[in-house]
């Protein structure tokens, strides 16, 4: 088989040679034995012998001859070694650079969840500038962890949990992000719309519109309604913020959401927000990450992007009527 013009081989023939075959030829040439080559490549001798038979079978030619106990390149093997010397150098430089980048955190998957469904509305505003700086990082929102994000973080199923529930566990590192307020949301024509604030008792004759979750998981029930010894007339459970807003607009119930989550509707005059109790219901949000193992650089960078982007919290863009981030 004539391999003289190896650089001109048809693509079908070139496809028969893999990088592992080029590394094999180089290693046998450098060590002189299959045993030595296998050791240098961290392979078993049988695995390397199999690779050699494989590539020789594909090319229908011998690449090595055994001379006085050593493996000596055949003419075809010399041609393949020439190819290996041209190809492997640049390939291994790229591989080393990619390995350094992975170690430094330039490549990877970043899994995020929040403790509140409405927070997913402003996450894309953080994603865009972060992705420009870290294009090798794939961002994944793990919505199913919304109900118990710290549990998921502790189990290694998340990299960043955005939470308002205080946690002093030494397993986590938390970075303060912003404060907001939960408010009652009613239609502009609702009977409660002119109140100065909402009392738990005001909900006894109302349908309370909540996200789909068990009562014991609902912050508003646990910390506002039930301590007063009252119960809403009905509870309507839905999964989407948009559905909650639509039901409230139709005067089918009262919702409790972050004030910023309904800012466009309040600005348009279709909804009204009311404090929960005389003192309101403030929350403080943080980004939590695991302490051990230490997170890669891109996780730390994402938390910093959250911190700086949300220094004054999500706000309304009056010109576009949608939620953005404070500068």
C-alpha atoms as a PDB file:
ATOM      1  CA  UNK A   1       0.000   0.000   0.000  1.00  0.00           C
ATOM      2  CA  UNK A   2       1.537   3.326  -1.079  1.00  0.00           C
ATOM      3  CA  UNK A   3       1.367   5.906   1.703  1.00  0.00           C
ATOM      4  CA  UNK A   4       3.862   8.286   0.112  1.00  0.00           C
ATOM      5  CA  UNK A   5       1.400  11.147  -0.229  1.00  0.00           C
ATOM      6  CA  UNK A   6      -0.198  10.690   3.154  1.00  0.00           C
ATOM      7  CA  UNK A   7      -1.357  14.316   3.313  1.00  0.00           C
ATOM      8  CA  UNK A   8      -3.350  13.742   0.138  1.00  0.00           C
ATOM      9  CA  UNK A   9      -5.236  10.667   1.319  1.00  0.00           C
ATOM     10  CA  UNK A  10      -8.924  10.696   0.514  1.00  0.00           C
ATOM     11  CA  UNK A  11     -11.115  11.729   3.429  1.00  0.00           C
ATOM     12  CA  UNK A  12     -12.523   8.211   3.731  1.00  0.00           C
ATOM     13  CA  UNK A  13      -9.046   6.799   4.341  1.00  0.00           C
ATOM     14  CA  UNK A  14      -8.136   9.612   6.715  1.00  0.00           C
ATOM     15  CA  UNK A  15     -11.248   8.827   8.739  1.00  0.00           C
ATOM     16  CA  UNK A  16      -9.805   5.370   9.386  1.00  0.00           C
ATOM     17  CA  UNK A  17      -7.011   6.867  11.470  1.00  0.00           C
ATOM     18  CA  UNK A  18      -7.846   8.210  14.913  1.00  0.00           C
ATOM     19  CA  UNK A  19      -5.759  10.299  17.286  1.00  0.00           C
ATOM     20  CA  UNK A  20      -5.281   7.261  19.505  1.00  0.00           C
ATOM     21  CA  UNK A  21      -3.621   5.482  16.568  1.00  0.00           C
ATOM     22  CA  UNK A  22      -1.224   8.368  16.003  1.00  0.00           C
ATOM     23  CA  UNK A  23      -0.352   8.419  19.702  1.00  0.00           C
ATOM     24  CA  UNK A  24       0.184   4.663  19.574  1.00  0.00           C
ATOM     25  CA  UNK A  25       2.649   4.914  16.675  1.00  0.00           C
ATOM     26  CA  UNK A  26       4.571   7.706  18.380  1.00  0.00           C
ATOM     27  CA  UNK A  27       4.715   5.858  21.712  1.00  0.00           C
ATOM     28  CA  UNK A  28       5.966   2.589  20.189  1.00  0.00           C
ATOM     29  CA  UNK A  29       8.586   4.478  18.202  1.00  0.00           C
ATOM     30  CA  UNK A  30       9.783   6.285  21.344  1.00  0.00           C
ATOM     31  CA  UNK A  31       9.880   3.230  23.627  1.00  0.00           C
ATOM     32  CA  UNK A  32      10.678   0.497  21.115  1.00  0.00           C
ATOM     33  CA  UNK A  33       8.267  -1.986  22.693  1.00  0.00           C
ATOM     34  CA  UNK A  34       4.551  -2.543  23.038  1.00  0.00           C
ATOM     35  CA  UNK A  35       4.981  -2.911  26.787  1.00  0.00           C
ATOM     36  CA  UNK A  36       6.764   0.433  27.105  1.00  0.00           C
ATOM     37  CA  UNK A  37       4.264   2.170  24.855  1.00  0.00           C
ATOM     38  CA  UNK A  38       1.330   0.785  26.837  1.00  0.00           C
ATOM     39  CA  UNK A  39       2.852   2.071  30.065  1.00  0.00           C
ATOM     40  CA  UNK A  40       3.468   5.552  28.642  1.00  0.00           C
ATOM     41  CA  UNK A  41      -0.134   5.748  27.413  1.00  0.00           C
ATOM     42  CA  UNK A  42      -1.593   4.304  30.642  1.00  0.00           C
ATOM     43  CA  UNK A  43      -3.068   1.358  28.745  1.00  0.00           C
ATOM     44  CA  UNK A  44      -2.851  -2.365  29.261  1.00  0.00           C
ATOM     45  CA  UNK A  45      -0.572  -4.201  26.860  1.00  0.00           C
ATOM     46  CA  UNK A  46      -3.530  -6.127  25.450  1.00  0.00           C
ATOM     47  CA  UNK A  47      -5.490  -2.909  24.829  1.00  0.00           C
ATOM     48  CA  UNK A  48      -2.580  -1.330  22.974  1.00  0.00           C
ATOM     49  CA  UNK A  49      -1.993  -4.510  20.944  1.00  0.00           C
ATOM     50  CA  UNK A  50      -5.666  -4.446  20.007  1.00  0.00           C
ATOM     51  CA  UNK A  51      -5.395  -0.833  18.827  1.00  0.00           C
ATOM     52  CA  UNK A  52      -2.341  -1.692  16.743  1.00  0.00           C
ATOM     53  CA  UNK A  53      -4.111  -4.604  15.077  1.00  0.00           C
ATOM     54  CA  UNK A  54      -7.118  -2.364  14.524  1.00  0.00           C
ATOM     55  CA  UNK A  55      -5.284   0.385  12.667  1.00  0.00           C
ATOM     56  CA  UNK A  56      -3.149  -2.069  10.682  1.00  0.00           C
ATOM     57  CA  UNK A  57      -6.342  -3.847   9.664  1.00  0.00           C
ATOM     58  CA  UNK A  58      -7.962  -0.618   8.585  1.00  0.00           C
ATOM     59  CA  UNK A  59      -4.954   0.347   6.486  1.00  0.00           C
ATOM     60  CA  UNK A  60      -4.231  -3.202   5.293  1.00  0.00           C
ATOM     61  CA  UNK A  61      -0.536  -2.798   6.020  1.00  0.00           C
ATOM     62  CA  UNK A  62       2.037  -3.465   8.754  1.00  0.00           C
ATOM     63  CA  UNK A  63       3.176  -0.403  10.660  1.00  0.00           C
ATOM     64  CA  UNK A  64       5.935  -2.097  12.666  1.00  0.00           C
ATOM     65  CA  UNK A  65       8.400  -4.918  12.164  1.00  0.00           C
ATOM     66  CA  UNK A  66       9.986  -6.844  15.024  1.00  0.00           C
ATOM     67  CA  UNK A  67      13.799  -6.620  14.767  1.00  0.00           C
ATOM     68  CA  UNK A  68      15.988  -8.142  17.514  1.00  0.00           C
ATOM     69  CA  UNK A  69      13.263  -7.756  20.132  1.00  0.00           C
ATOM     70  CA  UNK A  70      12.381  -4.181  19.248  1.00  0.00           C
ATOM     71  CA  UNK A  71       9.508  -2.713  17.279  1.00  0.00           C
ATOM     72  CA  UNK A  72      10.858  -0.926  14.203  1.00  0.00           C
ATOM     73  CA  UNK A  73       8.751   1.260  11.932  1.00  0.00           C
ATOM     74  CA  UNK A  74       7.915  -0.102   8.512  1.00  0.00           C
ATOM     75  CA  UNK A  75       7.871   2.349   5.581  1.00  0.00           C
ATOM     76  CA  UNK A  76       4.128   2.782   6.125  1.00  0.00           C
ATOM     77  CA  UNK A  77       4.738   3.293   9.843  1.00  0.00           C
ATOM     78  CA  UNK A  78       7.279   6.011   9.101  1.00  0.00           C
ATOM     79  CA  UNK A  79       4.667   7.806   7.002  1.00  0.00           C
ATOM     80  CA  UNK A  80       2.181   7.563   9.855  1.00  0.00           C
ATOM     81  CA  UNK A  81       4.769   8.823  12.345  1.00  0.00           C
ATOM     82  CA  UNK A  82       5.311  11.845  10.107  1.00  0.00           C
ATOM     83  CA  UNK A  83       1.572  12.509  10.230  1.00  0.00           C
ATOM     84  CA  UNK A  84       1.559  12.050  14.010  1.00  0.00           C
ATOM     85  CA  UNK A  85       4.332  14.603  14.443  1.00  0.00           C
ATOM     86  CA  UNK A  86       2.413  17.155  12.363  1.00  0.00           C
ATOM     87  CA  UNK A  87      -0.986  16.560  13.965  1.00  0.00           C
ATOM     88  CA  UNK A  88      -0.442  15.697  17.607  1.00  0.00           C
ATOM     89  CA  UNK A  89       1.524  18.803  18.585  1.00  0.00           C
ATOM     90  CA  UNK A  90      -1.260  21.307  17.800  1.00  0.00           C
ATOM     91  CA  UNK A  91      -3.944  18.931  19.094  1.00  0.00           C
ATOM     92  CA  UNK A  92      -2.200  18.452  22.423  1.00  0.00           C
ATOM     93  CA  UNK A  93      -1.647  22.187  22.787  1.00  0.00           C
ATOM     94  CA  UNK A  94      -5.396  22.736  22.417  1.00  0.00           C
ATOM     95  CA  UNK A  95      -6.147  19.879  24.820  1.00  0.00           C
ATOM     96  CA  UNK A  96      -3.810  21.359  27.408  1.00  0.00           C
ATOM     97  CA  UNK A  97      -5.400  24.784  27.034  1.00  0.00           C
ATOM     98  CA  UNK A  98      -8.871  23.311  27.432  1.00  0.00           C
ATOM     99  CA  UNK A  99      -7.730  21.411  30.521  1.00  0.00           C
ATOM    100  CA  UNK A 100      -6.336  24.622  32.018  1.00  0.00           C
ATOM    101  CA  UNK A 101      -9.577  26.419  31.197  1.00  0.00           C
ATOM    102  CA  UNK A 102     -11.656  23.712  32.855  1.00  0.00           C
ATOM    103  CA  UNK A 103      -9.445  23.838  35.923  1.00  0.00           C
ATOM    104  CA  UNK A 104      -9.798  27.613  36.061  1.00  0.00           C
ATOM    105  CA  UNK A 105     -13.550  27.316  35.658  1.00  0.00           C
ATOM    106  CA  UNK A 106     -13.963  28.602  32.090  1.00  0.00           C
ATOM    107  CA  UNK A 107     -16.004  25.591  30.990  1.00  0.00           C
ATOM    108  CA  UNK A 108     -18.765  23.705  32.744  1.00  0.00           C
ATOM    109  CA  UNK A 109     -22.445  23.539  33.663  1.00  0.00           C
ATOM    110  CA  UNK A 110     -23.981  25.987  36.145  1.00  0.00           C
ATOM    111  CA  UNK A 111     -27.197  24.723  37.770  1.00  0.00           C
ATOM    112  CA  UNK A 112     -29.399  27.357  39.376  1.00  0.00           C
ATOM    113  CA  UNK A 113     -32.664  27.389  41.276  1.00  0.00           C
ATOM    114  CA  UNK A 114     -34.547  29.975  43.310  1.00  0.00           C
ATOM    115  CA  UNK A 115     -36.906  29.801  46.264  1.00  0.00           C
ATOM    116  CA  UNK A 116     -39.565  31.792  44.425  1.00  0.00           C
ATOM    117  CA  UNK A 117     -41.111  31.131  41.021  1.00  0.00           C
ATOM    118  CA  UNK A 118     -41.337  34.848  40.181  1.00  0.00           C
ATOM    119  CA  UNK A 119     -37.544  35.160  40.433  1.00  0.00           C
ATOM    120  CA  UNK A 120     -37.202  33.251  37.167  1.00  0.00           C
ATOM    121  CA  UNK A 121     -38.509  36.357  35.394  1.00  0.00           C
ATOM    122  CA  UNK A 122     -35.375  38.377  36.088  1.00  0.00           C
ATOM    123  CA  UNK A 123     -32.736  35.640  35.874  1.00  0.00           C
ATOM    124  CA  UNK A 124     -32.330  36.033  32.064  1.00  0.00           C
ATOM    125  CA  UNK A 125     -31.248  39.632  32.634  1.00  0.00           C
ATOM    126  CA  UNK A 126     -28.281  38.265  34.616  1.00  0.00           C
ATOM    127  CA  UNK A 127     -27.638  35.436  32.170  1.00  0.00           C
ATOM    128  CA  UNK A 128     -26.993  37.643  29.141  1.00  0.00           C
ATOM    129  CA  UNK A 129     -23.958  39.627  30.419  1.00  0.00           C
ATOM    130  CA  UNK A 130     -22.612  36.569  32.254  1.00  0.00           C
ATOM    131  CA  UNK A 131     -22.695  34.432  29.086  1.00  0.00           C
ATOM    132  CA  UNK A 132     -20.784  37.096  27.153  1.00  0.00           C
ATOM    133  CA  UNK A 133     -17.962  36.800  29.665  1.00  0.00           C
ATOM    134  CA  UNK A 134     -18.222  33.025  30.181  1.00  0.00           C
ATOM    135  CA  UNK A 135     -19.323  31.596  26.818  1.00  0.00           C
ATOM    136  CA  UNK A 136     -18.078  28.131  27.734  1.00  0.00           C
ATOM    137  CA  UNK A 137     -20.483  27.792  30.678  1.00  0.00           C
ATOM    138  CA  UNK A 138     -23.887  26.199  30.105  1.00  0.00           C
ATOM    139  CA  UNK A 139     -26.585  27.707  32.343  1.00  0.00           C
ATOM    140  CA  UNK A 140     -29.369  25.422  33.521  1.00  0.00           C
ATOM    141  CA  UNK A 141     -32.413  26.456  35.557  1.00  0.00           C
ATOM    142  CA  UNK A 142     -33.498  23.559  37.772  1.00  0.00           C
ATOM    143  CA  UNK A 143     -37.121  24.581  38.322  1.00  0.00           C
ATOM    144  CA  UNK A 144     -38.031  21.357  40.114  1.00  0.00           C
ATOM    145  CA  UNK A 145     -35.724  22.393  42.983  1.00  0.00           C
ATOM    146  CA  UNK A 146     -37.702  25.603  43.625  1.00  0.00           C
ATOM    147  CA  UNK A 147     -39.540  24.203  46.636  1.00  0.00           C
ATOM    148  CA  UNK A 148     -36.413  23.013  48.453  1.00  0.00           C
ATOM    149  CA  UNK A 149     -33.376  24.694  46.855  1.00  0.00           C
ATOM    150  CA  UNK A 150     -31.082  24.379  49.875  1.00  0.00           C
ATOM    151  CA  UNK A 151     -31.762  20.654  50.099  1.00  0.00           C
ATOM    152  CA  UNK A 152     -30.886  20.329  46.412  1.00  0.00           C
ATOM    153  CA  UNK A 153     -27.755  22.437  46.912  1.00  0.00           C
ATOM    154  CA  UNK A 154     -26.623  20.285  49.824  1.00  0.00           C
ATOM    155  CA  UNK A 155     -27.233  17.145  47.764  1.00  0.00           C
ATOM    156  CA  UNK A 156     -24.982  18.430  44.981  1.00  0.00           C
ATOM    157  CA  UNK A 157     -27.885  18.873  42.551  1.00  0.00           C
ATOM    158  CA  UNK A 158     -27.397  22.658  42.316  1.00  0.00           C
ATOM    159  CA  UNK A 159     -24.454  25.022  42.114  1.00  0.00           C
ATOM    160  CA  UNK A 160     -26.289  28.200  43.171  1.00  0.00           C
ATOM    161  CA  UNK A 161     -29.476  28.505  45.231  1.00  0.00           C
ATOM    162  CA  UNK A 162     -31.147  31.915  45.390  1.00  0.00           C
ATOM    163  CA  UNK A 163     -33.016  31.960  48.694  1.00  0.00           C
ATOM    164  CA  UNK A 164     -34.796  34.217  51.169  1.00  0.00           C
ATOM    165  CA  UNK A 165     -34.885  31.616  53.946  1.00  0.00           C
ATOM    166  CA  UNK A 166     -32.052  32.242  56.429  1.00  0.00           C
ATOM    167  CA  UNK A 167     -29.620  29.361  56.746  1.00  0.00           C
ATOM    168  CA  UNK A 168     -26.627  29.304  59.061  1.00  0.00           C
ATOM    169  CA  UNK A 169     -25.387  25.866  58.050  1.00  0.00           C
ATOM    170  CA  UNK A 170     -21.578  25.728  57.767  1.00  0.00           C
ATOM    171  CA  UNK A 171     -22.105  23.710  54.574  1.00  0.00           C
ATOM    172  CA  UNK A 172     -23.108  26.850  52.677  1.00  0.00           C
ATOM    173  CA  UNK A 173     -21.610  30.210  51.858  1.00  0.00           C
ATOM    174  CA  UNK A 174     -24.222  32.939  51.385  1.00  0.00           C
ATOM    175  CA  UNK A 175     -23.827  36.289  49.651  1.00  0.00           C
ATOM    176  CA  UNK A 176     -26.516  38.962  50.283  1.00  0.00           C
ATOM    177  CA  UNK A 177     -28.241  40.098  47.080  1.00  0.00           C
ATOM    178  CA  UNK A 178     -31.188  42.412  47.704  1.00  0.00           C
ATOM    179  CA  UNK A 179     -34.272  42.980  49.815  1.00  0.00           C
ATOM    180  CA  UNK A 180     -37.858  42.987  48.609  1.00  0.00           C
ATOM    181  CA  UNK A 181     -41.353  42.776  50.070  1.00  0.00           C
ATOM    182  CA  UNK A 182     -44.230  40.356  49.764  1.00  0.00           C
ATOM    183  CA  UNK A 183     -47.502  42.212  49.263  1.00  0.00           C
ATOM    184  CA  UNK A 184     -51.156  41.363  48.776  1.00  0.00           C
ATOM    185  CA  UNK A 185     -52.233  41.824  45.162  1.00  0.00           C
ATOM    186  CA  UNK A 186     -55.832  42.652  44.255  1.00  0.00           C
ATOM    187  CA  UNK A 187     -57.663  43.959  41.206  1.00  0.00           C
ATOM    188  CA  UNK A 188     -58.115  47.724  41.053  1.00  0.00           C
ATOM    189  CA  UNK A 189     -61.873  47.309  41.592  1.00  0.00           C
ATOM    190  CA  UNK A 190     -61.606  44.800  44.446  1.00  0.00           C
ATOM    191  CA  UNK A 191     -63.292  45.601  47.778  1.00  0.00           C
ATOM    192  CA  UNK A 192     -59.912  45.579  49.545  1.00  0.00           C
ATOM    193  CA  UNK A 193     -58.119  47.791  47.032  1.00  0.00           C
ATOM    194  CA  UNK A 194     -58.520  50.964  49.114  1.00  0.00           C
ATOM    195  CA  UNK A 195     -57.225  49.495  52.355  1.00  0.00           C
ATOM    196  CA  UNK A 196     -53.983  50.815  53.806  1.00  0.00           C
ATOM    197  CA  UNK A 197     -52.818  47.268  54.493  1.00  0.00           C
ATOM    198  CA  UNK A 198     -54.170  43.714  54.608  1.00  0.00           C
ATOM    199  CA  UNK A 199     -54.821  41.848  57.854  1.00  0.00           C
ATOM    200  CA  UNK A 200     -54.985  38.038  58.042  1.00  0.00           C
ATOM    201  CA  UNK A 201     -58.663  38.387  58.976  1.00  0.00           C
ATOM    202  CA  UNK A 202     -59.346  40.117  55.653  1.00  0.00           C
ATOM    203  CA  UNK A 203     -58.601  36.855  53.861  1.00  0.00           C
ATOM    204  CA  UNK A 204     -61.262  34.826  55.665  1.00  0.00           C
ATOM    205  CA  UNK A 205     -63.843  35.762  53.052  1.00  0.00           C
ATOM    206  CA  UNK A 206     -61.458  35.636  50.108  1.00  0.00           C
ATOM    207  CA  UNK A 207     -59.996  33.066  47.758  1.00  0.00           C
ATOM    208  CA  UNK A 208     -56.222  33.094  48.188  1.00  0.00           C
ATOM    209  CA  UNK A 209     -54.332  32.383  44.965  1.00  0.00           C
ATOM    210  CA  UNK A 210     -51.077  30.527  45.648  1.00  0.00           C
ATOM    211  CA  UNK A 211     -48.448  28.612  43.755  1.00  0.00           C
ATOM    212  CA  UNK A 212     -48.969  24.864  43.656  1.00  0.00           C
ATOM    213  CA  UNK A 213     -47.435  23.550  46.871  1.00  0.00           C
ATOM    214  CA  UNK A 214     -48.443  21.994  50.174  1.00  0.00           C
ATOM    215  CA  UNK A 215     -49.753  24.310  52.897  1.00  0.00           C
ATOM    216  CA  UNK A 216     -46.731  23.659  55.095  1.00  0.00           C
ATOM    217  CA  UNK A 217     -44.465  24.907  52.304  1.00  0.00           C
ATOM    218  CA  UNK A 218     -46.314  28.205  51.833  1.00  0.00           C
ATOM    219  CA  UNK A 219     -44.557  31.128  53.509  1.00  0.00           C
ATOM    220  CA  UNK A 220     -47.693  33.271  53.484  1.00  0.00           C
ATOM    221  CA  UNK A 221     -49.805  30.603  55.180  1.00  0.00           C
ATOM    222  CA  UNK A 222     -47.161  29.627  57.735  1.00  0.00           C
ATOM    223  CA  UNK A 223     -45.982  33.099  58.688  1.00  0.00           C
ATOM    224  CA  UNK A 224     -48.929  35.435  58.057  1.00  0.00           C
ATOM    225  CA  UNK A 225     -52.304  33.699  57.925  1.00  0.00           C
ATOM    226  CA  UNK A 226     -52.125  30.694  60.264  1.00  0.00           C
ATOM    227  CA  UNK A 227     -50.467  32.486  63.237  1.00  0.00           C
ATOM    228  CA  UNK A 228     -53.610  34.653  63.387  1.00  0.00           C
ATOM    229  CA  UNK A 229     -55.771  31.545  63.676  1.00  0.00           C
ATOM    230  CA  UNK A 230     -57.668  32.192  60.437  1.00  0.00           C
ATOM    231  CA  UNK A 231     -58.103  30.384  57.152  1.00  0.00           C
ATOM    232  CA  UNK A 232     -58.899  31.763  53.668  1.00  0.00           C
ATOM    233  CA  UNK A 233     -62.354  30.964  52.343  1.00  0.00           C
ATOM    234  CA  UNK A 234     -60.780  29.104  49.413  1.00  0.00           C
ATOM    235  CA  UNK A 235     -57.277  28.394  48.168  1.00  0.00           C
ATOM    236  CA  UNK A 236     -56.652  28.329  44.430  1.00  0.00           C
ATOM    237  CA  UNK A 237     -53.364  26.716  43.450  1.00  0.00           C
ATOM    238  CA  UNK A 238     -51.684  27.385  40.110  1.00  0.00           C
ATOM    239  CA  UNK A 239     -48.162  26.864  38.776  1.00  0.00           C
ATOM    240  CA  UNK A 240     -47.513  30.028  36.761  1.00  0.00           C
ATOM    241  CA  UNK A 241     -47.156  33.644  37.856  1.00  0.00           C
ATOM    242  CA  UNK A 242     -49.011  34.742  34.720  1.00  0.00           C
ATOM    243  CA  UNK A 243     -51.987  32.578  35.700  1.00  0.00           C
ATOM    244  CA  UNK A 244     -52.016  34.050  39.216  1.00  0.00           C
ATOM    245  CA  UNK A 245     -52.043  37.578  37.807  1.00  0.00           C
ATOM    246  CA  UNK A 246     -54.853  36.717  35.375  1.00  0.00           C
ATOM    247  CA  UNK A 247     -57.020  35.295  38.172  1.00  0.00           C
ATOM    248  CA  UNK A 248     -56.468  38.353  40.342  1.00  0.00           C
ATOM    249  CA  UNK A 249     -57.275  40.709  37.472  1.00  0.00           C
ATOM    250  CA  UNK A 250     -60.548  38.823  37.026  1.00  0.00           C
ATOM    251  CA  UNK A 251     -61.294  39.429  40.742  1.00  0.00           C
ATOM    252  CA  UNK A 252     -61.305  35.709  41.424  1.00  0.00           C
ATOM    253  CA  UNK A 253     -59.033  36.020  44.417  1.00  0.00           C
ATOM    254  CA  UNK A 254     -56.210  37.723  46.284  1.00  0.00           C
ATOM    255  CA  UNK A 255     -52.588  36.815  45.640  1.00  0.00           C
ATOM    256  CA  UNK A 256     -49.379  37.407  47.554  1.00  0.00           C
ATOM    257  CA  UNK A 257     -46.369  38.188  45.376  1.00  0.00           C
ATOM    258  CA  UNK A 258     -43.201  40.256  45.438  1.00  0.00           C
ATOM    259  CA  UNK A 259     -44.047  43.904  44.845  1.00  0.00           C
ATOM    260  CA  UNK A 260     -41.737  44.085  41.821  1.00  0.00           C
ATOM    261  CA  UNK A 261     -43.362  41.024  40.226  1.00  0.00           C
ATOM    262  CA  UNK A 262     -46.545  42.956  39.404  1.00  0.00           C
ATOM    263  CA  UNK A 263     -44.967  46.371  38.830  1.00  0.00           C
ATOM    264  CA  UNK A 264     -46.122  46.528  35.162  1.00  0.00           C
ATOM    265  CA  UNK A 265     -49.760  45.878  36.124  1.00  0.00           C
ATOM    266  CA  UNK A 266     -49.627  48.359  39.001  1.00  0.00           C
ATOM    267  CA  UNK A 267     -48.157  50.977  36.671  1.00  0.00           C
ATOM    268  CA  UNK A 268     -50.978  50.277  34.203  1.00  0.00           C
ATOM    269  CA  UNK A 269     -53.596  50.692  36.934  1.00  0.00           C
ATOM    270  CA  UNK A 270     -55.054  47.181  36.640  1.00  0.00           C
ATOM    271  CA  UNK A 271     -53.714  45.854  39.956  1.00  0.00           C
ATOM    272  CA  UNK A 272     -53.145  47.283  43.425  1.00  0.00           C
ATOM    273  CA  UNK A 273     -50.596  46.124  45.993  1.00  0.00           C
ATOM    274  CA  UNK A 274     -51.143  46.333  49.752  1.00  0.00           C
ATOM    275  CA  UNK A 275     -48.698  45.710  52.617  1.00  0.00           C
ATOM    276  CA  UNK A 276     -49.213  42.549  54.656  1.00  0.00           C
ATOM    277  CA  UNK A 277     -49.960  43.880  58.111  1.00  0.00           C
ATOM    278  CA  UNK A 278     -48.900  47.235  59.493  1.00  0.00           C
ATOM    279  CA  UNK A 279     -45.193  46.411  59.236  1.00  0.00           C
ATOM    280  CA  UNK A 280     -45.245  44.733  55.858  1.00  0.00           C
ATOM    281  CA  UNK A 281     -43.500  41.477  54.983  1.00  0.00           C
ATOM    282  CA  UNK A 282     -39.879  42.197  53.975  1.00  0.00           C
ATOM    283  CA  UNK A 283     -37.506  39.523  52.700  1.00  0.00           C
ATOM    284  CA  UNK A 284     -33.748  39.434  52.245  1.00  0.00           C
ATOM    285  CA  UNK A 285     -32.402  37.415  49.334  1.00  0.00           C
ATOM    286  CA  UNK A 286     -29.031  35.671  49.205  1.00  0.00           C
ATOM    287  CA  UNK A 287     -27.119  33.433  46.829  1.00  0.00           C
ATOM    288  CA  UNK A 288     -25.964  30.230  48.475  1.00  0.00           C
ATOM    289  CA  UNK A 289     -23.154  27.956  47.265  1.00  0.00           C
ATOM    290  CA  UNK A 290     -21.493  24.899  48.771  1.00  0.00           C
ATOM    291  CA  UNK A 291     -18.360  25.351  50.846  1.00  0.00           C
ATOM    292  CA  UNK A 292     -17.036  21.854  50.108  1.00  0.00           C
ATOM    293  CA  UNK A 293     -16.156  21.142  47.414  1.00  0.00           C
ATOM    294  CA  UNK A 294     -15.103  24.665  46.578  1.00  0.00           C
ATOM    295  CA  UNK A 295     -17.071  25.941  43.561  1.00  0.00           C
ATOM    296  CA  UNK A 296     -15.291  26.590  40.247  1.00  0.00           C
ATOM    297  CA  UNK A 297     -14.482  30.138  39.227  1.00  0.00           C
ATOM    298  CA  UNK A 298     -17.541  30.538  37.008  1.00  0.00           C
ATOM    299  CA  UNK A 299     -19.877  29.859  39.962  1.00  0.00           C
ATOM    300  CA  UNK A 300     -18.181  32.569  42.008  1.00  0.00           C
ATOM    301  CA  UNK A 301     -18.374  34.907  39.008  1.00  0.00           C
ATOM    302  CA  UNK A 302     -22.095  34.223  38.577  1.00  0.00           C
ATOM    303  CA  UNK A 303     -22.797  35.008  42.230  1.00  0.00           C
ATOM    304  CA  UNK A 304     -20.886  38.265  41.834  1.00  0.00           C
ATOM    305  CA  UNK A 305     -22.937  39.053  38.715  1.00  0.00           C
ATOM    306  CA  UNK A 306     -26.081  38.505  40.776  1.00  0.00           C
ATOM    307  CA  UNK A 307     -24.801  40.691  43.599  1.00  0.00           C
ATOM    308  CA  UNK A 308     -23.828  43.625  41.418  1.00  0.00           C
ATOM    309  CA  UNK A 309     -26.808  43.314  39.076  1.00  0.00           C
ATOM    310  CA  UNK A 310     -29.323  43.140  41.909  1.00  0.00           C
ATOM    311  CA  UNK A 311     -27.801  45.685  44.267  1.00  0.00           C
ATOM    312  CA  UNK A 312     -31.108  47.603  44.281  1.00  0.00           C
ATOM    313  CA  UNK A 313     -33.273  44.668  43.322  1.00  0.00           C
ATOM    314  CA  UNK A 314     -35.327  44.014  40.181  1.00  0.00           C
ATOM    315  CA  UNK A 315     -37.171  47.091  38.935  1.00  0.00           C
ATOM    316  CA  UNK A 316     -39.643  48.090  36.274  1.00  0.00           C
ATOM    317  CA  UNK A 317     -38.545  49.405  32.887  1.00  0.00           C
ATOM    318  CA  UNK A 318     -41.222  52.038  32.289  1.00  0.00           C
ATOM    319  CA  UNK A 319     -40.460  52.339  28.594  1.00  0.00           C
ATOM    320  CA  UNK A 320     -40.858  48.632  27.903  1.00  0.00           C
ATOM    321  CA  UNK A 321     -43.183  47.587  30.712  1.00  0.00           C
ATOM    322  CA  UNK A 322     -41.067  44.645  31.776  1.00  0.00           C
ATOM    323  CA  UNK A 323     -38.779  43.668  34.616  1.00  0.00           C
ATOM    324  CA  UNK A 324     -35.081  44.452  34.318  1.00  0.00           C
ATOM    325  CA  UNK A 325     -32.175  44.747  36.729  1.00  0.00           C
ATOM    326  CA  UNK A 326     -30.987  47.810  38.545  1.00  0.00           C
ATOM    327  CA  UNK A 327     -27.763  49.212  37.214  1.00  0.00           C
END
